[in-house]
Amino acid sequence: MSGAKPGTLLKHQIPIRTMHWDITLPGFMEADTVAHCGNSLAGDFVWGLTLSDILTGWTECRATWSKGSSGMIGTSAKSWLGYVSYF
């Protein structure tokens, strides 16, 4: 289930690149969240967080109970530490 709502305003303002990035150093990341909630966004459920380094393709997947800032920041920090130790 997607928690995102479609919109046309930002769709034309946010560039989407699939190839030819001008990135020459690792550390530039893309992130995405996925709700593991079945058919409803109501109640408690796990959120998956995926972080990917654009240059190297390094990817880290983590889970958190909350999409709030404290849950996502803590999960992101753990992923970042794994990334730094990888290189």
Protein backbone atom coordinates (compact mmCIF):
# COMPACT_ATOMS: atom_id res chain seq x y z
CA MET A 1 0.00 0.00 0.00
CA SER A 2 1.30 3.43 -0.84
CA GLY A 3 0.96 6.30 1.60
CA ALA A 4 1.96 8.78 -1.11
CA LYS A 5 -0.68 10.92 -2.72
CA PRO A 6 -0.34 11.76 -6.41
CA GLY A 7 0.08 15.38 -7.31
CA THR A 8 0.91 17.29 -10.45
CA LEU A 9 2.42 20.44 -8.93
CA LEU A 10 5.71 18.88 -7.78
CA LYS A 11 5.76 16.24 -10.50
CA HIS A 12 7.07 18.76 -13.01
CA GLN A 13 9.38 20.58 -10.55
CA ILE A 14 11.39 17.61 -9.22
CA PRO A 15 13.91 16.27 -11.74
CA ILE A 16 13.99 12.50 -12.09
CA ARG A 17 17.27 11.04 -13.31
CA THR A 18 17.79 7.40 -14.12
CA MET A 19 21.25 7.60 -15.72
CA HIS A 20 24.25 9.89 -16.18
CA TRP A 21 24.59 11.22 -12.66
CA ASP A 22 27.37 13.79 -12.22
CA ILE A 23 28.40 12.13 -8.95
CA THR A 24 32.11 11.29 -8.58
CA LEU A 25 32.35 10.66 -4.82
CA PRO A 26 30.47 8.18 -2.65
CA GLY A 27 28.13 9.56 0.00
CA PHE A 28 25.27 10.97 -2.08
CA MET A 29 22.25 8.94 -1.04
CA GLU A 30 18.71 8.25 -2.14
CA ALA A 31 16.15 7.08 0.40
CA ASP A 32 12.71 5.51 0.26
CA THR A 33 10.20 4.25 2.80
CA VAL A 34 7.67 1.43 2.47
CA ALA A 35 4.69 0.81 4.74
CA HIS A 36 4.34 -2.88 5.68
CA CYS A 37 0.74 -2.47 6.78
CA GLY A 38 -1.51 -4.64 4.66
CA ASN A 39 -4.60 -2.83 3.39
CA SER A 40 -4.69 0.02 5.92
CA LEU A 41 -2.35 2.75 7.12
CA ALA A 42 -4.17 2.80 10.48
CA GLY A 43 -2.54 1.46 13.63
CA ASP A 44 1.00 0.29 14.33
CA PHE A 45 3.09 -1.44 11.71
CA VAL A 46 6.66 -1.60 10.44
CA TRP A 47 8.12 0.92 8.02
CA GLY A 48 10.99 -0.20 5.81
CA LEU A 49 13.75 2.31 5.01
CA THR A 50 16.05 1.76 2.03
CA LEU A 51 19.16 3.91 1.57
CA SER A 52 21.22 3.65 -1.63
CA ASP A 53 24.51 5.31 -2.54
CA ILE A 54 24.15 6.72 -6.05
CA LEU A 55 27.77 6.15 -7.14
CA THR A 56 28.55 2.74 -5.67
CA GLY A 57 25.10 1.17 -5.58
CA TRP A 58 25.63 0.25 -1.91
CA THR A 59 22.19 -0.37 -0.41
CA GLU A 60 21.10 -0.74 3.19
CA CYS A 61 17.61 -1.80 4.27
CA ARG A 62 16.33 -1.21 7.80
CA ALA A 63 13.00 -1.40 9.59
CA THR A 64 11.45 0.87 12.21
CA TRP A 65 8.12 0.96 14.06
CA SER A 66 7.62 4.65 13.45
CA LYS A 67 7.87 6.93 10.45
CA GLY A 68 8.26 9.83 12.87
CA SER A 69 11.52 11.73 13.05
CA SER A 70 12.95 9.84 16.04
CA GLY A 71 12.41 6.43 14.43
CA MET A 72 13.73 7.44 11.03
CA ILE A 73 16.72 9.41 12.35
CA GLY A 74 17.81 6.52 14.56
CA THR A 75 17.40 4.01 11.75
CA SER A 76 19.22 6.28 9.28
CA ALA A 77 22.10 6.78 11.70
CA LYS A 78 22.55 3.01 12.10
CA SER A 79 22.53 2.60 8.33
CA TRP A 80 25.03 5.44 7.90
CA LEU A 81 27.40 3.83 10.40
CA GLY A 82 27.20 0.61 8.39
CA TYR A 83 27.93 2.57 5.22
CA VAL A 84 30.95 4.38 6.67
CA SER A 85 32.44 1.13 7.99
CA TYR A 86 31.87 -0.51 4.58
CA PHE A 87 34.20 1.99 2.90
